[in-house]
Amino acid sequence: MATTRAARRTLRPLVFSPGWAATVALVAIALVGLSLPPTLQYAPLVASALVLGLPHGAVDHLAVARARGRPPDRGAVARVVALYGVVGGAYAVGWFLGPAAAFALFILVTWFHWGQGDLYVLVALADADYLRSLPQRVGTVVVRGGLPMLVPLLAFPAWYRRVAETLVGRFAPEAVGALAWAFRPDVRLALGVGYGAVVAATLALGYVRADDRGPWRLDAAETLGLVAYFALVPPVLAIGVYFTLWHSLRHIARLLLVDDGAAAALRDREPTAALARFARDAFPLTAASLALLAGLAVVVPNPPATVPEWVGLYLVFIAVVTLPHVVVVTIMDWEQSVWA
């Protein structure tokens, strides 16, 4: 991955500091026994519709061509638009036909996608030389994606089920019963033991193979810190902050590095100019996405009436656009040799 040192030096504080600061602050709040009002817990997810969260995928129509070192042309843009129409459209239909299965797919796809996002950052920005084999990188994706997708299920099963009911309930409230097995204590115990074993094995193998232990210490600190974060902070708040200040911000950093103009601004230590270019590129499809979200609210069998229900519908929409987004990011992984 050819990334200039100057651009990486400019990006690192932007990529790491906000997520770390928010994680530490919320863990500290949880440890002293404070509880934020429900309105504040939903606020980060609501804000993500405009700030970083939804916009981070709104440059997909330009990202593939840029990752290949080419200026985006109409054909490249049209192919990505068609991908969203076909894959996203089919998945949207799936929510109407089988909402419980669609919810399960959302969890699995997000698990992979958020894991692959952190894998890229470890390889491209943290110089994780110890991730030398394909099994190690797969293990890292399993570990990192499981932090936001599995740990809250183990620590807050009632909250997790409530979120599932909110999403599935927009289509068929009774369908959530098909997911009841996932909340059983024995299933959660088995998942926790298996996941813990993967975390331990992945970090141990990385420690043994690391020539420079600095990146490994970063990886281990983030992994264990996020275990505590998702085990202590209520899921809606934890996911909202993580989605915005961790996953989305890290992907935006990746997008800046493949945009020649933004990368030049980063080399000149002008991150504001680089982010302004991203905001310009993301604005049209972010606005279009919000319009589609409003349309989805009209056609679902059970339209949202409360803040949690609106957030649930927003997450359904995020699920629909995440599937084609993962295809785009996986192509970027291939072009940038993330799995090599």
Protein backbone atom coordinates (compact mmCIF):
# COMPACT_ATOMS: atom_id res chain seq x y z
CA MET A 1 0.00 0.00 0.00
CA ALA A 2 1.81 3.06 -1.27
CA THR A 3 1.00 5.75 1.27
CA THR A 4 3.41 8.61 1.84
CA ARG A 5 4.81 9.01 5.32
CA ALA A 6 3.76 12.66 5.51
CA ALA A 7 0.13 11.86 4.73
CA ARG A 8 0.11 9.03 7.26
CA ARG A 9 1.61 11.23 9.96
CA THR A 10 -1.14 13.78 9.37
CA LEU A 11 -3.84 11.12 9.43
CA ARG A 12 -2.85 9.13 12.50
CA PRO A 13 -4.06 11.59 15.17
CA LEU A 14 -7.28 12.12 13.20
CA VAL A 15 -7.87 8.38 12.89
CA PHE A 16 -6.99 7.22 16.39
CA SER A 17 -7.53 10.04 18.88
CA PRO A 18 -11.31 10.72 18.64
CA GLY A 19 -12.25 7.06 18.98
CA TRP A 20 -9.86 6.46 21.85
CA ALA A 21 -11.00 9.59 23.71
CA ALA A 22 -14.69 8.74 23.38
CA THR A 23 -14.11 5.11 24.38
CA VAL A 24 -12.14 6.01 27.50
CA ALA A 25 -14.64 8.69 28.52
CA LEU A 26 -17.66 6.40 28.21
CA VAL A 27 -15.95 3.53 30.01
CA ALA A 28 -15.06 5.92 32.84
CA ILE A 29 -18.67 7.11 33.04
CA ALA A 30 -19.88 3.50 33.19
CA LEU A 31 -17.33 2.53 35.85
CA VAL A 32 -18.44 5.30 38.23
CA GLY A 33 -22.04 4.17 37.84
CA LEU A 34 -23.43 7.10 35.89
CA SER A 35 -26.20 6.49 33.35
CA LEU A 36 -26.92 8.87 30.49
CA PRO A 37 -30.58 9.69 29.70
CA PRO A 38 -32.08 7.63 26.83
CA THR A 39 -32.24 10.69 24.58
CA LEU A 40 -28.49 11.18 24.87
CA GLN A 41 -27.87 7.48 24.30
CA TYR A 42 -29.63 7.64 20.94
CA ALA A 43 -28.02 10.95 19.95
CA PRO A 44 -24.82 9.58 18.35
CA LEU A 45 -26.77 7.26 16.05
CA VAL A 46 -29.14 10.05 15.08
CA ALA A 47 -26.23 12.41 14.42
CA SER A 48 -24.48 9.79 12.28
CA ALA A 49 -27.09 10.34 9.57
CA LEU A 50 -25.33 13.63 8.79
CA VAL A 51 -21.96 13.42 10.54
CA LEU A 52 -19.49 10.79 9.31
CA GLY A 53 -21.76 7.72 9.66
CA LEU A 54 -24.02 7.72 6.61
CA PRO A 55 -21.65 9.96 4.58
CA HIS A 56 -18.73 7.54 4.95
CA GLY A 57 -20.34 5.26 2.36
CA ALA A 58 -21.53 8.05 0.11
CA VAL A 59 -18.29 8.19 -1.88
CA ASP A 60 -18.41 4.57 -3.02
CA HIS A 61 -19.19 5.66 -6.58
CA LEU A 62 -15.73 7.28 -6.71
CA ALA A 63 -13.76 4.98 -4.41
CA VAL A 64 -13.14 1.95 -6.65
CA ALA A 65 -11.71 3.94 -9.54
CA ARG A 66 -9.54 5.97 -7.18
CA ALA A 67 -8.26 2.81 -5.48
CA ARG A 68 -7.19 1.63 -8.94
CA GLY A 69 -5.34 4.89 -9.52
CA ARG A 70 -7.77 6.15 -12.14
CA PRO A 71 -10.01 9.22 -12.26
CA PRO A 72 -13.65 8.13 -11.88
CA ASP A 73 -15.51 8.21 -15.19
CA ARG A 74 -19.18 7.74 -15.98
CA GLY A 75 -18.79 4.02 -16.51
CA ALA A 76 -17.14 3.48 -13.12
CA VAL A 77 -19.81 5.54 -11.38
CA ALA A 78 -22.62 3.74 -13.24
CA ARG A 79 -21.30 0.32 -12.23
CA VAL A 80 -21.33 1.21 -8.54
CA VAL A 81 -24.79 2.78 -8.83
CA ALA A 82 -26.02 -0.41 -10.50
CA LEU A 83 -24.41 -2.48 -7.73
CA TYR A 84 -26.34 -0.53 -5.12
CA GLY A 85 -29.56 -0.82 -7.09
CA VAL A 86 -29.33 -4.59 -7.58
CA VAL A 87 -27.71 -5.78 -4.34
CA GLY A 88 -29.20 -3.15 -2.05
CA GLY A 89 -32.59 -3.46 -3.71
CA ALA A 90 -32.65 -7.25 -3.33
CA TYR A 91 -31.70 -6.96 0.32
CA ALA A 92 -34.42 -4.35 0.90
CA VAL A 93 -36.96 -6.79 -0.50
CA GLY A 94 -35.53 -9.40 1.87
CA TRP A 95 -36.47 -7.25 4.85
CA PHE A 96 -40.10 -7.31 3.74
CA LEU A 97 -40.12 -11.05 3.03
CA GLY A 98 -38.02 -12.37 5.93
CA PRO A 99 -37.09 -9.66 8.44
CA ALA A 100 -35.59 -12.03 11.02
CA ALA A 101 -33.22 -13.56 8.46
CA ALA A 102 -32.44 -10.08 7.14
CA PHE A 103 -31.53 -8.95 10.66
CA ALA A 104 -29.22 -11.94 11.13
CA LEU A 105 -27.56 -11.18 7.79
CA PHE A 106 -27.11 -7.56 8.88
CA ILE A 107 -25.21 -8.68 11.98
CA LEU A 108 -22.97 -11.05 10.02
CA VAL A 109 -22.23 -8.59 7.21
CA THR A 110 -21.49 -5.80 9.68
CA TRP A 111 -19.28 -8.15 11.71
CA PHE A 112 -17.16 -8.79 8.61
CA HIS A 113 -17.22 -5.20 7.39
CA TRP A 114 -16.25 -3.53 10.65
CA GLY A 115 -13.53 -6.13 11.07
CA GLN A 116 -12.15 -5.51 7.59
CA GLY A 117 -12.14 -1.77 8.31
CA ASP A 118 -9.89 -2.22 11.33
CA LEU A 119 -7.70 -4.70 9.46
CA TYR A 120 -6.98 -2.05 6.83
CA VAL A 121 -6.02 0.50 9.47
CA LEU A 122 -3.72 -1.94 11.24
CA VAL A 123 -1.95 -2.85 8.00
CA ALA A 124 -1.87 0.54 6.27
CA LEU A 125 -1.55 3.03 9.14
CA ALA A 126 -0.23 1.07 12.12
CA ASP A 127 2.40 -0.96 10.21
CA ALA A 128 1.23 -4.26 11.72
CA ASP A 129 4.01 -6.38 10.23
CA TYR A 130 3.02 -9.39 12.34
CA LEU A 131 -0.17 -9.99 10.32
CA ARG A 132 1.78 -12.07 7.84
CA SER A 133 -0.61 -14.88 6.97
CA LEU A 134 -4.14 -15.11 5.66
CA PRO A 135 -5.37 -16.99 8.78
CA GLN A 136 -4.02 -14.18 10.97
CA ARG A 137 -5.83 -11.54 8.96
CA VAL A 138 -9.04 -13.57 8.97
CA GLY A 139 -8.66 -13.95 12.74
CA THR A 140 -8.18 -10.21 13.10
CA VAL A 141 -11.39 -9.55 11.15
CA VAL A 142 -13.27 -12.03 13.35
CA VAL A 143 -11.89 -10.42 16.51
CA ARG A 144 -12.38 -6.79 15.53
CA GLY A 145 -15.82 -7.28 14.00
CA GLY A 146 -16.95 -9.33 16.97
CA LEU A 147 -16.24 -6.51 19.40
CA PRO A 148 -19.27 -4.38 18.40
CA MET A 149 -21.42 -7.23 17.08
CA LEU A 150 -20.95 -10.01 19.67
CA VAL A 151 -19.76 -8.49 22.95
CA PRO A 152 -22.98 -6.46 23.44
CA LEU A 153 -25.00 -9.66 22.95
CA LEU A 154 -22.98 -11.33 25.72
CA ALA A 155 -23.13 -8.35 28.09
CA PHE A 156 -26.55 -6.84 27.33
CA PRO A 157 -28.81 -9.57 25.89
CA ALA A 158 -32.03 -7.74 26.83
CA TRP A 159 -30.88 -4.57 25.05
CA TYR A 160 -29.75 -6.57 22.05
CA ARG A 161 -33.10 -8.30 21.82
CA ARG A 162 -34.90 -4.97 22.13
CA VAL A 163 -32.94 -3.62 19.16
CA ALA A 164 -33.76 -6.75 17.15
CA GLU A 165 -37.44 -6.34 17.98
CA THR A 166 -37.34 -2.68 16.93
CA LEU A 167 -35.82 -3.44 13.53
CA VAL A 168 -37.82 -6.57 12.76
CA GLY A 169 -40.95 -4.98 14.19
CA ARG A 170 -41.13 -2.44 11.40
CA PHE A 171 -42.00 -5.37 9.12
CA ALA A 172 -43.40 -8.27 11.19
CA PRO A 173 -43.21 -8.03 15.01
CA GLU A 174 -43.92 -11.72 15.49
CA ALA A 175 -40.94 -12.71 13.31
CA VAL A 176 -38.44 -11.82 16.03
CA GLY A 177 -39.29 -15.14 17.69
CA ALA A 178 -37.09 -16.84 15.09
CA LEU A 179 -34.09 -15.16 16.73
CA ALA A 180 -34.88 -16.33 20.29
CA TRP A 181 -32.23 -19.06 20.21
CA ALA A 182 -29.44 -16.47 19.99
CA PHE A 183 -30.36 -15.02 23.39
CA ARG A 184 -30.32 -18.33 25.29
CA PRO A 185 -27.68 -18.46 28.07
CA ASP A 186 -26.09 -21.64 26.73
CA VAL A 187 -25.74 -20.20 23.24
CA ARG A 188 -24.24 -16.96 24.56
CA LEU A 189 -21.84 -18.93 26.76
CA ALA A 190 -20.66 -21.01 23.80
CA LEU A 191 -20.25 -17.91 21.66
CA GLY A 192 -18.33 -16.15 24.41
CA VAL A 193 -15.95 -19.06 25.01
CA GLY A 194 -15.31 -19.53 21.30
CA TYR A 195 -14.80 -15.84 20.67
CA GLY A 196 -12.48 -15.51 23.66
CA ALA A 197 -10.36 -18.34 22.31
CA VAL A 198 -10.06 -16.63 18.92
CA VAL A 199 -9.08 -13.33 20.59
CA ALA A 200 -6.41 -15.03 22.70
CA ALA A 201 -5.01 -17.07 19.82
CA THR A 202 -4.92 -14.13 17.39
CA LEU A 203 -3.18 -11.78 19.82
CA ALA A 204 -0.75 -14.48 21.00
CA LEU A 205 0.28 -15.39 17.46
CA GLY A 206 0.72 -11.71 16.63
CA TYR A 207 2.97 -11.24 19.67
CA VAL A 208 5.17 -14.15 18.63
CA ARG A 209 5.50 -12.96 15.04
CA ALA A 210 5.94 -9.22 15.69
CA ASP A 211 9.36 -7.80 14.83
CA ASP A 212 8.27 -4.43 16.20
CA ARG A 213 6.00 -4.85 19.23
CA GLY A 214 4.66 -1.27 19.01
CA PRO A 215 1.90 -2.02 16.48
CA TRP A 216 1.03 -5.22 18.33
CA ARG A 217 0.64 -3.29 21.60
CA LEU A 218 -1.68 -0.87 19.79
CA ASP A 219 -3.74 -3.79 18.45
CA ALA A 220 -3.91 -5.49 21.84
CA ALA A 221 -4.79 -2.27 23.67
CA GLU A 222 -7.56 -1.45 21.21
CA THR A 223 -8.93 -4.98 21.30
CA LEU A 224 -9.00 -5.31 25.08
CA GLY A 225 -10.14 -1.73 25.52
CA LEU A 226 -13.08 -2.29 23.19
CA VAL A 227 -13.99 -5.50 25.01
CA ALA A 228 -14.37 -3.40 28.17
CA TYR A 229 -16.16 -0.65 26.24
CA PHE A 230 -18.82 -2.88 24.72
CA ALA A 231 -19.20 -4.87 27.93
CA LEU A 232 -19.86 -1.77 30.06
CA VAL A 233 -21.48 0.89 27.85
CA PRO A 234 -25.16 0.45 26.87
CA PRO A 235 -25.29 -0.92 23.31
CA VAL A 236 -27.21 1.85 21.54
CA LEU A 237 -24.81 4.49 22.85
CA ALA A 238 -21.74 2.30 22.38
CA ILE A 239 -22.60 1.39 18.78
CA GLY A 240 -23.54 4.96 17.86
CA VAL A 241 -20.23 6.37 19.05
CA TYR A 242 -18.21 3.50 17.59
CA PHE A 243 -19.95 3.71 14.21
CA THR A 244 -19.24 7.43 13.96
CA LEU A 245 -15.87 8.02 15.62
CA TRP A 246 -14.25 4.65 15.01
CA HIS A 247 -15.46 2.78 11.94
CA SER A 248 -16.66 5.67 9.77
CA LEU A 249 -13.75 7.97 10.57
CA ARG A 250 -11.24 5.24 9.77
CA HIS A 251 -12.90 4.50 6.44
CA ILE A 252 -12.96 8.20 5.58
CA ALA A 253 -9.21 8.28 6.22
CA ARG A 254 -8.84 5.48 3.71
CA LEU A 255 -10.88 7.43 1.17
CA LEU A 256 -8.70 10.51 1.64
CA LEU A 257 -5.59 8.51 0.81
CA VAL A 258 -6.93 7.35 -2.58
CA ASP A 259 -8.12 10.85 -3.56
CA ASP A 260 -5.10 12.58 -5.10
CA GLY A 261 -6.25 16.04 -4.05
CA ALA A 262 -7.01 15.02 -0.48
CA ALA A 263 -3.75 13.06 -0.21
CA ALA A 264 -1.82 16.12 -1.39
CA ALA A 265 -3.54 18.23 1.27
CA LEU A 266 -2.59 15.67 3.92
CA ARG A 267 1.03 15.73 2.77
CA ASP A 268 0.91 19.51 3.22
CA ARG A 269 -0.53 19.01 6.72
CA GLU A 270 -3.90 20.47 5.77
CA PRO A 271 -6.41 17.87 7.03
CA THR A 272 -9.25 20.41 6.98
CA ALA A 273 -8.84 20.85 3.23
CA ALA A 274 -8.77 17.07 2.75
CA LEU A 275 -11.94 16.62 4.81
CA ALA A 276 -13.63 19.44 2.89
CA ARG A 277 -13.00 17.52 -0.35
CA PHE A 278 -14.55 14.43 1.21
CA ALA A 279 -17.59 16.40 2.40
CA ARG A 280 -18.08 17.80 -1.10
CA ASP A 281 -17.91 14.35 -2.66
CA ALA A 282 -20.21 12.77 -0.06
CA PHE A 283 -22.93 15.42 0.04
CA PRO A 284 -25.00 14.44 -3.04
CA LEU A 285 -25.45 10.77 -2.15
CA THR A 286 -25.89 11.53 1.55
CA ALA A 287 -28.81 13.77 0.64
CA ALA A 288 -30.20 11.12 -1.72
CA SER A 289 -29.87 8.50 1.02
CA LEU A 290 -31.86 10.62 3.46
CA ALA A 291 -34.59 10.96 0.85
CA LEU A 292 -34.66 7.19 0.39
CA LEU A 293 -34.85 6.74 4.16
CA ALA A 294 -37.90 8.99 4.24
CA GLY A 295 -39.43 6.89 1.47
CA LEU A 296 -38.75 3.69 3.39
CA ALA A 297 -40.62 5.14 6.37
CA VAL A 298 -43.71 5.49 4.18
CA VAL A 299 -43.72 1.96 2.75
CA VAL A 300 -42.85 -0.20 5.79
CA PRO A 301 -45.85 -2.06 7.24
CA ASN A 302 -45.34 -0.47 10.67
CA PRO A 303 -44.10 3.12 10.24
CA PRO A 304 -41.96 4.50 13.08
CA ALA A 305 -43.62 6.70 15.68
CA THR A 306 -41.01 7.04 18.43
CA VAL A 307 -37.31 7.91 18.50
CA PRO A 308 -36.23 4.27 19.05
CA GLU A 309 -38.44 3.17 16.16
CA TRP A 310 -37.00 5.84 13.88
CA VAL A 311 -33.50 4.77 14.89
CA GLY A 312 -34.51 1.16 14.18
CA LEU A 313 -35.69 2.11 10.69
CA TYR A 314 -32.47 4.04 10.14
CA LEU A 315 -30.51 0.91 11.05
CA VAL A 316 -32.57 -1.09 8.55
CA PHE A 317 -31.62 1.45 5.90
CA ILE A 318 -27.98 1.26 6.99
CA ALA A 319 -28.22 -2.52 6.62
CA VAL A 320 -29.54 -2.19 3.06
CA VAL A 321 -26.73 0.11 1.94
CA THR A 322 -24.05 -1.76 3.91
CA LEU A 323 -24.28 -4.89 1.74
CA PRO A 324 -23.24 -3.19 -1.54
CA HIS A 325 -20.85 -0.99 0.44
CA VAL A 326 -19.06 -4.14 1.63
CA VAL A 327 -18.67 -5.24 -1.99
CA VAL A 328 -17.04 -1.89 -2.82
CA VAL A 329 -14.71 -2.03 0.20
CA THR A 330 -13.77 -5.63 -0.60
CA ILE A 331 -12.77 -4.55 -4.11
CA MET A 332 -10.67 -1.81 -2.51
CA ASP A 333 -9.09 -4.46 -0.26
CA TRP A 334 -8.15 -6.45 -3.35
CA GLU A 335 -6.74 -3.46 -5.19
CA GLN A 336 -4.72 -2.38 -2.14
CA SER A 337 -3.49 -5.90 -1.25
CA VAL A 338 -5.02 -5.84 2.23
CA TRP A 339 -5.32 -9.64 2.22
CA ALA A 340 -1.95 -10.30 0.58
